[in-house]
C-alpha atoms as a PDB file:
ATOM      1  CA  UNK A   1    -161.296  90.040-108.367  1.00  0.00           C
ATOM      2  CA  UNK A   2    -162.410  92.919-110.559  1.00  0.00           C
ATOM      3  CA  UNK A   3    -160.782  96.293-110.030  1.00  0.00           C
ATOM      4  CA  UNK A   4    -161.700  99.646-111.527  1.00  0.00           C
ATOM      5  CA  UNK A   5    -159.055 102.240-110.746  1.00  0.00           C
ATOM      6  CA  UNK A   6    -159.686 105.880-111.584  1.00  0.00           C
ATOM      7  CA  UNK A   7    -157.007 108.514-112.038  1.00  0.00           C
ATOM      8  CA  UNK A   8    -156.591 111.977-113.493  1.00  0.00           C
ATOM      9  CA  UNK A   9    -158.583 114.059-111.051  1.00  0.00           C
ATOM     10  CA  UNK A  10    -157.253 117.226-109.493  1.00  0.00           C
ATOM     11  CA  UNK A  11    -157.668 120.944-108.993  1.00  0.00           C
ATOM     12  CA  UNK A  12    -158.294 123.097-112.059  1.00  0.00           C
ATOM     13  CA  UNK A  13    -159.546 126.604-112.727  1.00  0.00           C
ATOM     14  CA  UNK A  14    -162.848 127.412-114.381  1.00  0.00           C
ATOM     15  CA  UNK A  15    -162.590 126.819-118.107  1.00  0.00           C
ATOM     16  CA  UNK A  16    -159.817 124.290-117.754  1.00  0.00           C
ATOM     17  CA  UNK A  17    -159.650 120.662-118.800  1.00  0.00           C
ATOM     18  CA  UNK A  18    -158.979 117.285-117.223  1.00  0.00           C
ATOM     19  CA  UNK A  19    -158.918 113.757-118.561  1.00  0.00           C
ATOM     20  CA  UNK A  20    -160.038 110.988-116.252  1.00  0.00           C
ATOM     21  CA  UNK A  21    -158.967 107.405-116.802  1.00  0.00           C
ATOM     22  CA  UNK A  22    -160.376 104.167-115.430  1.00  0.00           C
ATOM     23  CA  UNK A  23    -158.218 101.083-115.745  1.00  0.00           C
ATOM     24  CA  UNK A  24    -160.102  97.796-115.485  1.00  0.00           C
ATOM     25  CA  UNK A  25    -158.511  94.525-114.434  1.00  0.00           C
ATOM     26  CA  UNK A  26    -159.181  91.116-112.959  1.00  0.00           C
ATOM     27  CA  UNK A  27    -161.289  87.990-113.481  1.00  0.00           C
ATOM     28  CA  UNK A  28    -161.359  88.274-117.265  1.00  0.00           C
ATOM     29  CA  UNK A  29    -163.225  91.563-116.987  1.00  0.00           C
ATOM     30  CA  UNK A  30    -163.220  93.269-120.348  1.00  0.00           C
ATOM     31  CA  UNK A  31    -164.837  96.633-120.955  1.00  0.00           C
ATOM     32  CA  UNK A  32    -165.337  95.765-124.610  1.00  0.00           C
ATOM     33  CA  UNK A  33    -168.301  93.562-123.713  1.00  0.00           C
ATOM     34  CA  UNK A  34    -169.906  95.816-121.132  1.00  0.00           C
ATOM     35  CA  UNK A  35    -171.666  99.118-120.803  1.00  0.00           C
ATOM     36  CA  UNK A  36    -169.376 101.385-118.807  1.00  0.00           C
ATOM     37  CA  UNK A  37    -170.229 104.667-117.167  1.00  0.00           C
ATOM     38  CA  UNK A  38    -168.973 107.677-115.274  1.00  0.00           C
ATOM     39  CA  UNK A  39    -170.928 108.967-112.302  1.00  0.00           C
ATOM     40  CA  UNK A  40    -170.252 111.863-109.970  1.00  0.00           C
ATOM     41  CA  UNK A  41    -171.314 112.888-106.506  1.00  0.00           C
ATOM     42  CA  UNK A  42    -170.958 116.369-105.078  1.00  0.00           C
ATOM     43  CA  UNK A  43    -171.071 117.023-101.325  1.00  0.00           C
ATOM     44  CA  UNK A  44    -174.640 116.901-100.053  1.00  0.00           C
ATOM     45  CA  UNK A  45    -175.999 115.714-103.385  1.00  0.00           C
ATOM     46  CA  UNK A  46    -177.052 112.384-104.824  1.00  0.00           C
ATOM     47  CA  UNK A  47    -174.838 110.465-107.186  1.00  0.00           C
ATOM     48  CA  UNK A  48    -175.674 111.265-110.798  1.00  0.00           C
ATOM     49  CA  UNK A  49    -174.881 109.733-114.153  1.00  0.00           C
ATOM     50  CA  UNK A  50    -172.413 111.776-116.191  1.00  0.00           C
ATOM     51  CA  UNK A  51    -172.086 109.578-119.273  1.00  0.00           C
ATOM     52  CA  UNK A  52    -172.130 106.003-120.448  1.00  0.00           C
ATOM     53  CA  UNK A  53    -170.766 104.058-123.375  1.00  0.00           C
ATOM     54  CA  UNK A  54    -172.175 100.773-124.596  1.00  0.00           C
ATOM     55  CA  UNK A  55    -170.200  97.729-125.625  1.00  0.00           C
ATOM     56  CA  UNK A  56    -170.746  98.807-129.224  1.00  0.00           C
ATOM     57  CA  UNK A  57    -169.535 102.338-128.594  1.00  0.00           C
ATOM     58  CA  UNK A  58    -172.817 104.225-128.426  1.00  0.00           C
ATOM     59  CA  UNK A  59    -172.655 107.062-125.937  1.00  0.00           C
ATOM     60  CA  UNK A  60    -174.985 109.170-123.850  1.00  0.00           C
ATOM     61  CA  UNK A  61    -174.018 112.289-121.934  1.00  0.00           C
ATOM     62  CA  UNK A  62    -176.034 114.077-119.271  1.00  0.00           C
ATOM     63  CA  UNK A  63    -177.491 117.384-120.415  1.00  0.00           C
ATOM     64  CA  UNK A  64    -175.372 119.204-117.853  1.00  0.00           C
ATOM     65  CA  UNK A  65    -172.137 118.080-119.523  1.00  0.00           C
ATOM     66  CA  UNK A  66    -173.204 117.669-123.141  1.00  0.00           C
ATOM     67  CA  UNK A  67    -170.813 119.448-125.477  1.00  0.00           C
ATOM     68  CA  UNK A  68    -168.148 119.735-122.783  1.00  0.00           C
ATOM     69  CA  UNK A  69    -167.427 116.153-121.682  1.00  0.00           C
ATOM     70  CA  UNK A  70    -166.713 113.141-123.860  1.00  0.00           C
ATOM     71  CA  UNK A  71    -166.699 109.513-122.757  1.00  0.00           C
ATOM     72  CA  UNK A  72    -164.533 107.080-124.680  1.00  0.00           C
ATOM     73  CA  UNK A  73    -162.752 103.789-124.258  1.00  0.00           C
ATOM     74  CA  UNK A  74    -159.722 101.902-125.458  1.00  0.00           C
ATOM     75  CA  UNK A  75    -160.645  98.230-125.555  1.00  0.00           C
ATOM     76  CA  UNK A  76    -157.061  97.156-126.167  1.00  0.00           C
ATOM     77  CA  UNK A  77    -155.975  98.911-122.972  1.00  0.00           C
ATOM     78  CA  UNK A  78    -159.152  97.909-121.110  1.00  0.00           C
ATOM     79  CA  UNK A  79    -159.453 101.553-120.087  1.00  0.00           C
ATOM     80  CA  UNK A  80    -162.336 104.007-119.939  1.00  0.00           C
ATOM     81  CA  UNK A  81    -161.842 107.771-120.302  1.00  0.00           C
ATOM     82  CA  UNK A  82    -163.701 110.985-119.612  1.00  0.00           C
ATOM     83  CA  UNK A  83    -162.396 114.098-121.334  1.00  0.00           C
ATOM     84  CA  UNK A  84    -163.683 117.150-119.502  1.00  0.00           C
ATOM     85  CA  UNK A  85    -163.380 120.562-121.117  1.00  0.00           C
ATOM     86  CA  UNK A  86    -164.721 123.998-120.210  1.00  0.00           C
ATOM     87  CA  UNK A  87    -164.992 122.928-116.592  1.00  0.00           C
ATOM     88  CA  UNK A  88    -167.323 124.824-114.282  1.00  0.00           C
ATOM     89  CA  UNK A  89    -167.386 125.191-110.516  1.00  0.00           C
ATOM     90  CA  UNK A  90    -170.527 123.050-110.461  1.00  0.00           C
ATOM     91  CA  UNK A  91    -168.552 120.146-111.952  1.00  0.00           C
ATOM     92  CA  UNK A  92    -166.733 119.801-108.627  1.00  0.00           C
ATOM     93  CA  UNK A  93    -167.418 116.280-107.341  1.00  0.00           C
ATOM     94  CA  UNK A  94    -166.012 112.835-106.767  1.00  0.00           C
ATOM     95  CA  UNK A  95    -166.054 111.016-110.083  1.00  0.00           C
ATOM     96  CA  UNK A  96    -166.619 107.269-110.227  1.00  0.00           C
ATOM     97  CA  UNK A  97    -166.102 104.739-112.957  1.00  0.00           C
ATOM     98  CA  UNK A  98    -168.599 101.872-113.034  1.00  0.00           C
ATOM     99  CA  UNK A  99    -169.882  98.841-114.830  1.00  0.00           C
ATOM    100  CA  UNK A 100    -173.367  99.434-113.499  1.00  0.00           C
ATOM    101  CA  UNK A 101    -175.012  96.242-114.724  1.00  0.00           C
ATOM    102  CA  UNK A 102    -172.406  94.226-112.854  1.00  0.00           C
ATOM    103  CA  UNK A 103    -172.339  96.517-109.818  1.00  0.00           C
ATOM    104  CA  UNK A 104    -168.604  97.112-110.119  1.00  0.00           C
ATOM    105  CA  UNK A 105    -167.410 100.534-108.992  1.00  0.00           C
ATOM    106  CA  UNK A 106    -164.105 102.281-108.645  1.00  0.00           C
ATOM    107  CA  UNK A 107    -162.968 104.146-105.565  1.00  0.00           C
ATOM    108  CA  UNK A 108    -163.387 107.544-107.175  1.00  0.00           C
ATOM    109  CA  UNK A 109    -161.184 110.473-108.120  1.00  0.00           C
ATOM    110  CA  UNK A 110    -161.774 114.009-106.892  1.00  0.00           C
ATOM    111  CA  UNK A 111    -162.280 116.843-109.339  1.00  0.00           C
ATOM    112  CA  UNK A 112    -162.262 120.356-107.933  1.00  0.00           C
ATOM    113  CA  UNK A 113    -162.917 123.382-110.115  1.00  0.00           C
ATOM    114  CA  UNK A 114    -162.027 126.773-108.658  1.00  0.00           C
ATOM    115  CA  UNK A 115    -163.373 130.132-109.784  1.00  0.00           C
END
């Protein structure tokens, strides 16, 4: 059974930083061979793509986070990361790790940015 377990969320002030992690495990699931992504969903809003990273390491970041967030991965640790800097109140959301092509999702980690 594949598991994606996020961690690293929390409460931070505007301008602060957080680093989210997503540990993958189970059924020979390796992030090195998959496109992995971070999504987020704020209350009353649709889920949106934050960033993705291909198996080869190419990345794409949403315009709303470009220059502030960085997606990365450690294939040896089978772990996906999202470094979030210069956080804004509008970044407040539940953040989800996913292997979208395989429809695997984590349970989410809450990020709350206070003014």
